[in-house]
Amino acid sequence: MTDRDPIRVLFVCTGNSARSIMAEAVLRQHGGGAFEVHSAGTEPRGINPLTLRVLADAGIDASWARSKSVHEFLGQTFDYVVTVCDQARQSCPVFPGVHESLHWGYEDPAEAEGTDDERLAVFRKVFVQIGERVRQFATVTRRQRQLA
């Protein structure tokens, strides 16, 4: 890997409907050309409409987004594979050449109950949490690459 090669990152959750899509979206927006980022699910279910709403409200274009299986990425190499839920951590396949496997556990907003506004509030809370972590990750990872 050279300084010019993008840092390859795969975010994994169970359904690839909320958390991993949010993480991918934030890193796409804040990582610039330094990252090649993907997301996938161990049991993909389609993107939750509230995920798309939260991204749109944050000014993030998610027209690229689709729910994918981790099986689409088997055999590919990644610098980082990041699981964003405990279940995915247990069932995520091993990817060759992974520089580092990370686990960031977040509650599943898709399981939130209540009114639409109450459910949306949970999606927003998780989005903010993931966004803060992804921005820190992007900053630290870029800095480490410059020092290497």
N, C-alpha and C. Protein backbone atom coordinates (compact mmCIF):
# COMPACT_ATOMS: atom_id res chain seq x y z
N MET A 1 0.86 -1.18 0.00
CA MET A 1 0.00 0.00 0.00
C MET A 1 0.90 1.24 0.00
N THR A 2 0.57 2.19 -0.82
CA THR A 2 1.30 3.45 -0.85
C THR A 2 0.43 4.54 -0.26
N ASP A 3 1.03 5.72 -0.06
CA ASP A 3 0.27 6.86 0.47
C ASP A 3 -0.88 7.25 -0.44
N ARG A 4 -0.78 6.89 -1.71
CA ARG A 4 -1.82 7.28 -2.66
C ARG A 4 -2.95 6.28 -2.76
N ASP A 5 -2.73 5.06 -2.28
CA ASP A 5 -3.79 4.06 -2.29
C ASP A 5 -4.84 4.44 -1.27
N PRO A 6 -6.11 4.33 -1.63
CA PRO A 6 -7.14 4.64 -0.63
C PRO A 6 -7.14 3.59 0.48
N ILE A 7 -7.51 4.01 1.66
CA ILE A 7 -7.66 3.12 2.80
C ILE A 7 -9.00 2.41 2.62
N ARG A 8 -8.97 1.09 2.52
CA ARG A 8 -10.19 0.32 2.25
C ARG A 8 -10.86 -0.06 3.56
N VAL A 9 -12.12 0.33 3.69
CA VAL A 9 -12.88 0.11 4.92
C VAL A 9 -14.20 -0.56 4.58
N LEU A 10 -14.56 -1.57 5.38
CA LEU A 10 -15.86 -2.24 5.26
C LEU A 10 -16.55 -2.16 6.62
N PHE A 11 -17.73 -1.55 6.65
CA PHE A 11 -18.57 -1.52 7.85
C PHE A 11 -19.58 -2.65 7.75
N VAL A 12 -19.74 -3.42 8.82
CA VAL A 12 -20.63 -4.58 8.81
C VAL A 12 -21.60 -4.51 9.99
N CYS A 13 -22.87 -4.73 9.70
CA CYS A 13 -23.87 -4.96 10.75
C CYS A 13 -24.75 -6.11 10.28
N THR A 14 -25.78 -6.39 11.03
CA THR A 14 -26.61 -7.54 10.68
C THR A 14 -27.41 -7.28 9.41
N GLY A 15 -28.24 -6.24 9.42
CA GLY A 15 -29.17 -6.03 8.32
C GLY A 15 -28.70 -5.11 7.22
N ASN A 16 -27.60 -4.38 7.43
CA ASN A 16 -27.15 -3.36 6.48
C ASN A 16 -28.31 -2.45 6.11
N SER A 17 -29.08 -2.08 7.16
CA SER A 17 -30.25 -1.25 6.94
C SER A 17 -30.13 0.12 7.61
N ALA A 18 -29.23 0.24 8.60
CA ALA A 18 -29.13 1.50 9.33
C ALA A 18 -27.68 1.82 9.70
N ARG A 19 -27.16 1.16 10.74
CA ARG A 19 -25.87 1.54 11.32
C ARG A 19 -24.71 1.50 10.32
N SER A 20 -24.56 0.41 9.60
CA SER A 20 -23.42 0.32 8.67
C SER A 20 -23.59 1.28 7.49
N ILE A 21 -24.82 1.50 7.07
CA ILE A 21 -25.09 2.48 5.99
C ILE A 21 -24.74 3.88 6.48
N MET A 22 -25.13 4.20 7.73
CA MET A 22 -24.79 5.51 8.29
C MET A 22 -23.28 5.70 8.35
N ALA A 23 -22.56 4.68 8.82
CA ALA A 23 -21.11 4.78 8.93
C ALA A 23 -20.48 4.97 7.55
N GLU A 24 -20.95 4.20 6.58
CA GLU A 24 -20.43 4.34 5.22
C GLU A 24 -20.68 5.75 4.70
N ALA A 25 -21.87 6.26 4.91
CA ALA A 25 -22.23 7.58 4.41
C ALA A 25 -21.36 8.68 5.01
N VAL A 26 -21.15 8.60 6.32
CA VAL A 26 -20.34 9.63 6.98
C VAL A 26 -18.89 9.56 6.51
N LEU A 27 -18.34 8.35 6.39
CA LEU A 27 -16.95 8.25 5.94
C LEU A 27 -16.81 8.67 4.48
N ARG A 28 -17.81 8.35 3.67
CA ARG A 28 -17.78 8.83 2.27
C ARG A 28 -17.73 10.36 2.25
N GLN A 29 -18.52 10.99 3.11
CA GLN A 29 -18.59 12.45 3.11
C GLN A 29 -17.34 13.09 3.72
N HIS A 30 -16.86 12.54 4.83
CA HIS A 30 -15.76 13.19 5.56
C HIS A 30 -14.39 12.62 5.25
N GLY A 31 -14.34 11.47 4.61
CA GLY A 31 -13.05 10.84 4.35
C GLY A 31 -12.38 11.30 3.08
N GLY A 32 -13.17 11.87 2.18
CA GLY A 32 -12.60 12.31 0.91
C GLY A 32 -12.00 11.16 0.14
N GLY A 33 -11.05 11.46 -0.69
CA GLY A 33 -10.41 10.46 -1.53
C GLY A 33 -9.46 9.54 -0.79
N ALA A 34 -9.25 9.79 0.51
CA ALA A 34 -8.33 8.96 1.28
C ALA A 34 -8.90 7.57 1.57
N PHE A 35 -10.23 7.43 1.41
CA PHE A 35 -10.89 6.18 1.78
C PHE A 35 -11.71 5.61 0.63
N GLU A 36 -11.70 4.28 0.54
CA GLU A 36 -12.66 3.56 -0.28
C GLU A 36 -13.51 2.81 0.73
N VAL A 37 -14.78 3.14 0.79
CA VAL A 37 -15.61 2.63 1.88
C VAL A 37 -16.83 1.88 1.36
N HIS A 38 -17.15 0.79 2.05
CA HIS A 38 -18.29 -0.04 1.72
C HIS A 38 -19.00 -0.43 3.01
N SER A 39 -20.22 -0.94 2.87
CA SER A 39 -20.92 -1.51 4.01
C SER A 39 -21.65 -2.75 3.54
N ALA A 40 -21.94 -3.63 4.50
CA ALA A 40 -22.62 -4.87 4.18
C ALA A 40 -23.27 -5.43 5.43
N GLY A 41 -24.15 -6.40 5.22
CA GLY A 41 -24.81 -7.04 6.34
C GLY A 41 -24.63 -8.55 6.31
N THR A 42 -24.66 -9.14 7.49
CA THR A 42 -24.59 -10.60 7.55
C THR A 42 -25.92 -11.21 7.12
N GLU A 43 -27.01 -10.44 7.29
CA GLU A 43 -28.35 -10.83 6.83
C GLU A 43 -29.04 -9.58 6.29
N PRO A 44 -28.65 -9.10 5.09
CA PRO A 44 -29.17 -7.83 4.58
C PRO A 44 -30.69 -7.83 4.45
N ARG A 45 -31.30 -6.68 4.85
CA ARG A 45 -32.76 -6.56 4.87
C ARG A 45 -33.28 -5.38 4.05
N GLY A 46 -32.44 -4.66 3.39
CA GLY A 46 -32.88 -3.45 2.71
C GLY A 46 -32.68 -2.26 3.63
N ILE A 47 -32.55 -1.09 3.05
CA ILE A 47 -32.29 0.11 3.84
C ILE A 47 -33.58 0.61 4.47
N ASN A 48 -33.51 0.88 5.76
CA ASN A 48 -34.65 1.41 6.48
C ASN A 48 -34.93 2.84 5.99
N PRO A 49 -36.18 3.17 5.70
CA PRO A 49 -36.50 4.53 5.23
C PRO A 49 -36.08 5.63 6.22
N LEU A 50 -36.07 5.32 7.51
CA LEU A 50 -35.65 6.33 8.49
C LEU A 50 -34.14 6.59 8.40
N THR A 51 -33.38 5.60 7.96
CA THR A 51 -31.95 5.83 7.72
C THR A 51 -31.78 6.86 6.62
N LEU A 52 -32.52 6.68 5.53
CA LEU A 52 -32.43 7.62 4.41
C LEU A 52 -32.88 9.01 4.82
N ARG A 53 -33.89 9.08 5.68
CA ARG A 53 -34.38 10.38 6.13
C ARG A 53 -33.32 11.10 6.98
N VAL A 54 -32.69 10.37 7.90
CA VAL A 54 -31.66 10.97 8.74
C VAL A 54 -30.48 11.45 7.90
N LEU A 55 -30.08 10.66 6.91
CA LEU A 55 -28.99 11.07 6.04
C LEU A 55 -29.37 12.32 5.24
N ALA A 56 -30.58 12.32 4.70
CA ALA A 56 -31.05 13.49 3.93
C ALA A 56 -31.10 14.73 4.82
N ASP A 57 -31.60 14.56 6.05
CA ASP A 57 -31.67 15.69 6.98
C ASP A 57 -30.28 16.24 7.30
N ALA A 58 -29.27 15.38 7.24
CA ALA A 58 -27.88 15.80 7.50
C ALA A 58 -27.20 16.33 6.24
N GLY A 59 -27.93 16.35 5.13
CA GLY A 59 -27.37 16.86 3.88
C GLY A 59 -26.47 15.87 3.17
N ILE A 60 -26.65 14.59 3.45
CA ILE A 60 -25.83 13.55 2.82
C ILE A 60 -26.64 12.87 1.73
N ASP A 61 -26.10 12.91 0.51
CA ASP A 61 -26.73 12.23 -0.62
C ASP A 61 -26.47 10.73 -0.48
N ALA A 62 -27.52 9.95 -0.41
CA ALA A 62 -27.38 8.50 -0.26
C ALA A 62 -27.93 7.76 -1.49
N SER A 63 -27.90 8.41 -2.64
CA SER A 63 -28.42 7.78 -3.85
C SER A 63 -27.63 6.53 -4.22
N TRP A 64 -26.42 6.42 -3.75
CA TRP A 64 -25.55 5.28 -3.99
C TRP A 64 -25.92 4.07 -3.14
N ALA A 65 -26.66 4.31 -2.06
CA ALA A 65 -26.84 3.29 -1.02
C ALA A 65 -27.74 2.14 -1.46
N ARG A 66 -27.29 0.94 -1.14
CA ARG A 66 -28.11 -0.26 -1.29
C ARG A 66 -27.64 -1.26 -0.24
N SER A 67 -28.56 -2.09 0.20
CA SER A 67 -28.26 -3.10 1.20
C SER A 67 -27.55 -4.27 0.53
N LYS A 68 -26.37 -4.64 1.07
CA LYS A 68 -25.55 -5.67 0.45
C LYS A 68 -25.18 -6.75 1.48
N SER A 69 -24.88 -7.93 0.98
CA SER A 69 -24.43 -9.03 1.82
C SER A 69 -22.91 -9.00 1.93
N VAL A 70 -22.40 -9.43 3.08
CA VAL A 70 -20.95 -9.54 3.23
C VAL A 70 -20.37 -10.49 2.19
N HIS A 71 -21.19 -11.40 1.70
CA HIS A 71 -20.71 -12.36 0.71
C HIS A 71 -20.24 -11.68 -0.58
N GLU A 72 -20.78 -10.49 -0.88
CA GLU A 72 -20.32 -9.74 -2.06
C GLU A 72 -18.85 -9.35 -1.94
N PHE A 73 -18.34 -9.30 -0.71
CA PHE A 73 -17.00 -8.79 -0.49
C PHE A 73 -15.99 -9.87 -0.11
N LEU A 74 -16.44 -11.12 -0.02
CA LEU A 74 -15.52 -12.21 0.32
C LEU A 74 -14.42 -12.29 -0.72
N GLY A 75 -13.21 -12.50 -0.26
CA GLY A 75 -12.07 -12.58 -1.16
C GLY A 75 -11.42 -11.23 -1.41
N GLN A 76 -12.08 -10.14 -1.02
CA GLN A 76 -11.48 -8.81 -1.17
C GLN A 76 -10.68 -8.48 0.09
N THR A 77 -9.70 -7.63 -0.07
CA THR A 77 -8.89 -7.23 1.08
C THR A 77 -9.31 -5.84 1.55
N PHE A 78 -9.26 -5.65 2.85
CA PHE A 78 -9.60 -4.38 3.47
C PHE A 78 -8.54 -4.02 4.49
N ASP A 79 -8.32 -2.73 4.65
CA ASP A 79 -7.42 -2.26 5.70
C ASP A 79 -8.11 -2.34 7.06
N TYR A 80 -9.42 -2.08 7.05
CA TYR A 80 -10.22 -2.13 8.28
C TYR A 80 -11.56 -2.77 7.98
N VAL A 81 -11.96 -3.70 8.83
CA VAL A 81 -13.33 -4.21 8.84
C VAL A 81 -13.88 -3.83 10.20
N VAL A 82 -14.97 -3.05 10.18
CA VAL A 82 -15.55 -2.51 11.41
C VAL A 82 -16.96 -3.05 11.58
N THR A 83 -17.17 -3.85 12.62
CA THR A 83 -18.52 -4.30 12.94
C THR A 83 -19.16 -3.24 13.84
N VAL A 84 -20.43 -2.95 13.56
CA VAL A 84 -21.12 -1.91 14.33
C VAL A 84 -22.29 -2.46 15.14
N CYS A 85 -22.34 -3.78 15.26
CA CYS A 85 -23.33 -4.40 16.16
C CYS A 85 -22.75 -5.72 16.67
N ASP A 86 -23.20 -6.10 17.86
CA ASP A 86 -22.65 -7.29 18.51
C ASP A 86 -22.93 -8.56 17.71
N GLN A 87 -24.12 -8.69 17.14
CA GLN A 87 -24.45 -9.90 16.38
C GLN A 87 -23.54 -10.06 15.17
N ALA A 88 -23.29 -8.96 14.46
CA ALA A 88 -22.39 -9.03 13.30
C ALA A 88 -20.98 -9.40 13.73
N ARG A 89 -20.58 -8.94 14.89
CA ARG A 89 -19.24 -9.26 15.40
C ARG A 89 -19.08 -10.78 15.53
N GLN A 90 -20.15 -11.43 15.98
CA GLN A 90 -20.10 -12.88 16.18
C GLN A 90 -20.11 -13.65 14.86
N SER A 91 -20.78 -13.11 13.83
CA SER A 91 -20.97 -13.88 12.60
C SER A 91 -20.25 -13.32 11.38
N CYS A 92 -19.45 -12.29 11.55
CA CYS A 92 -18.74 -11.69 10.42
C CYS A 92 -17.66 -12.65 9.93
N PRO A 93 -17.62 -12.91 8.61
CA PRO A 93 -16.55 -13.77 8.09
C PRO A 93 -15.19 -13.08 8.21
N VAL A 94 -14.16 -13.86 8.11
CA VAL A 94 -12.80 -13.33 8.16
C VAL A 94 -12.41 -12.89 6.75
N PHE A 95 -11.86 -11.70 6.64
CA PHE A 95 -11.43 -11.17 5.35
C PHE A 95 -9.91 -11.23 5.28
N PRO A 96 -9.36 -11.69 4.16
CA PRO A 96 -7.90 -11.79 4.04
C PRO A 96 -7.27 -10.40 4.01
N GLY A 97 -6.08 -10.33 4.59
CA GLY A 97 -5.33 -9.09 4.49
C GLY A 97 -5.86 -7.94 5.32
N VAL A 98 -6.80 -8.19 6.22
CA VAL A 98 -7.33 -7.10 7.04
C VAL A 98 -6.23 -6.58 7.94
N HIS A 99 -5.98 -5.30 7.85
CA HIS A 99 -5.00 -4.65 8.70
C HIS A 99 -5.49 -4.67 10.14
N GLU A 100 -6.77 -4.38 10.30
CA GLU A 100 -7.31 -4.32 11.66
C GLU A 100 -8.82 -4.56 11.63
N SER A 101 -9.28 -5.38 12.57
CA SER A 101 -10.72 -5.56 12.78
C SER A 101 -11.10 -4.74 14.00
N LEU A 102 -12.13 -3.94 13.85
CA LEU A 102 -12.60 -3.10 14.95
C LEU A 102 -14.05 -3.42 15.25
N HIS A 103 -14.45 -3.18 16.49
CA HIS A 103 -15.86 -3.36 16.85
C HIS A 103 -16.34 -2.11 17.56
N TRP A 104 -17.39 -1.52 16.99
CA TRP A 104 -18.06 -0.38 17.60
C TRP A 104 -19.51 -0.78 17.76
N GLY A 105 -19.93 -1.12 18.95
CA GLY A 105 -21.30 -1.57 19.15
C GLY A 105 -22.27 -0.41 19.36
N TYR A 106 -23.35 -0.42 18.62
CA TYR A 106 -24.41 0.58 18.74
C TYR A 106 -25.76 -0.12 18.79
N GLU A 107 -26.69 0.50 19.49
CA GLU A 107 -28.04 -0.07 19.51
C GLU A 107 -28.62 -0.03 18.10
N ASP A 108 -29.54 -0.95 17.83
CA ASP A 108 -30.14 -1.03 16.51
C ASP A 108 -31.34 -0.10 16.45
N PRO A 109 -31.24 1.01 15.72
CA PRO A 109 -32.38 1.93 15.66
C PRO A 109 -33.58 1.31 14.96
N ALA A 110 -33.34 0.31 14.11
CA ALA A 110 -34.45 -0.34 13.41
C ALA A 110 -35.37 -1.08 14.38
N GLU A 111 -34.87 -1.37 15.58
CA GLU A 111 -35.70 -2.05 16.58
C GLU A 111 -36.43 -1.08 17.50
N ALA A 112 -36.24 0.22 17.29
CA ALA A 112 -36.90 1.21 18.13
C ALA A 112 -38.41 1.12 17.96
N GLU A 113 -39.11 1.31 19.06
CA GLU A 113 -40.57 1.28 19.04
C GLU A 113 -41.11 2.64 19.42
N GLY A 114 -42.40 2.83 19.16
CA GLY A 114 -43.03 4.09 19.50
C GLY A 114 -43.58 4.77 18.27
N THR A 115 -43.86 6.04 18.43
CA THR A 115 -44.38 6.83 17.32
C THR A 115 -43.28 7.03 16.28
N ASP A 116 -43.65 7.51 15.11
CA ASP A 116 -42.64 7.80 14.08
C ASP A 116 -41.60 8.79 14.60
N ASP A 117 -42.07 9.82 15.33
CA ASP A 117 -41.13 10.81 15.87
C ASP A 117 -40.19 10.19 16.90
N GLU A 118 -40.69 9.30 17.73
CA GLU A 118 -39.86 8.64 18.73
C GLU A 118 -38.83 7.73 18.06
N ARG A 119 -39.25 7.02 17.05
CA ARG A 119 -38.33 6.14 16.32
C ARG A 119 -37.27 6.97 15.58
N LEU A 120 -37.70 8.07 14.96
CA LEU A 120 -36.76 8.94 14.26
C LEU A 120 -35.72 9.51 15.23
N ALA A 121 -36.14 9.83 16.44
CA ALA A 121 -35.20 10.35 17.45
C ALA A 121 -34.11 9.33 17.75
N VAL A 122 -34.46 8.04 17.80
CA VAL A 122 -33.46 7.00 18.04
C VAL A 122 -32.50 6.92 16.85
N PHE A 123 -33.01 6.98 15.63
CA PHE A 123 -32.14 6.97 14.45
C PHE A 123 -31.18 8.15 14.49
N ARG A 124 -31.69 9.32 14.84
CA ARG A 124 -30.83 10.51 14.89
C ARG A 124 -29.75 10.36 15.95
N LYS A 125 -30.11 9.83 17.13
CA LYS A 125 -29.15 9.64 18.21
C LYS A 125 -28.02 8.70 17.76
N VAL A 126 -28.38 7.57 17.16
CA VAL A 126 -27.38 6.61 16.70
C VAL A 126 -26.53 7.22 15.59
N PHE A 127 -27.15 7.98 14.70
CA PHE A 127 -26.41 8.64 13.62
C PHE A 127 -25.36 9.59 14.19
N VAL A 128 -25.72 10.37 15.19
CA VAL A 128 -24.77 11.30 15.81
C VAL A 128 -23.61 10.52 16.45
N GLN A 129 -23.93 9.44 17.17
CA GLN A 129 -22.89 8.64 17.81
C GLN A 129 -21.93 8.05 16.77
N ILE A 130 -22.49 7.47 15.73
CA ILE A 130 -21.66 6.88 14.68
C ILE A 130 -20.86 7.96 13.96
N GLY A 131 -21.49 9.08 13.68
CA GLY A 131 -20.80 10.17 12.99
C GLY A 131 -19.59 10.67 13.74
N GLU A 132 -19.72 10.82 15.06
CA GLU A 132 -18.58 11.28 15.87
C GLU A 132 -17.44 10.27 15.80
N ARG A 133 -17.77 9.00 15.91
CA ARG A 133 -16.74 7.95 15.90
C ARG A 133 -16.07 7.85 14.53
N VAL A 134 -16.85 7.94 13.47
CA VAL A 134 -16.29 7.84 12.12
C VAL A 134 -15.37 9.03 11.83
N ARG A 135 -15.77 10.22 12.25
CA ARG A 135 -14.92 11.38 12.01
C ARG A 135 -13.59 11.25 12.77
N GLN A 136 -13.64 10.75 14.01
CA GLN A 136 -12.40 10.52 14.77
C GLN A 136 -11.54 9.47 14.06
N PHE A 137 -12.17 8.39 13.63
CA PHE A 137 -11.47 7.32 12.92
C PHE A 137 -10.77 7.87 11.68
N ALA A 138 -11.49 8.67 10.90
CA ALA A 138 -10.92 9.23 9.66
C ALA A 138 -9.71 10.10 9.96
N THR A 139 -9.82 10.94 10.97
CA THR A 139 -8.72 11.84 11.33
C THR A 139 -7.50 11.05 11.79
N VAL A 140 -7.70 10.11 12.70
CA VAL A 140 -6.59 9.32 13.24
C VAL A 140 -5.96 8.45 12.16
N THR A 141 -6.79 7.83 11.34
CA THR A 141 -6.28 6.93 10.31
C THR A 141 -5.46 7.70 9.27
N ARG A 142 -5.94 8.85 8.87
CA ARG A 142 -5.16 9.68 7.92
C ARG A 142 -3.82 10.08 8.54
N ARG A 143 -3.86 10.49 9.80
CA ARG A 143 -2.64 10.91 10.49
C ARG A 143 -1.64 9.75 10.59
N GLN A 144 -2.12 8.56 10.92
CA GLN A 144 -1.24 7.39 11.02
C GLN A 144 -0.60 7.09 9.67
N ARG A 145 -1.35 7.21 8.61
CA ARG A 145 -0.81 6.93 7.29
C ARG A 145 0.28 7.94 6.94
N GLN A 146 0.10 9.20 7.32
CA GLN A 146 1.11 10.23 7.02
C GLN A 146 2.40 9.98 7.79
N LEU A 147 2.27 9.39 8.99
CA LEU A 147 3.44 9.14 9.82
C LEU A 147 4.16 7.85 9.42
N ALA A 148 3.46 6.97 8.72
CA ALA A 148 4.04 5.66 8.36
C ALA A 148 5.09 5.80 7.27
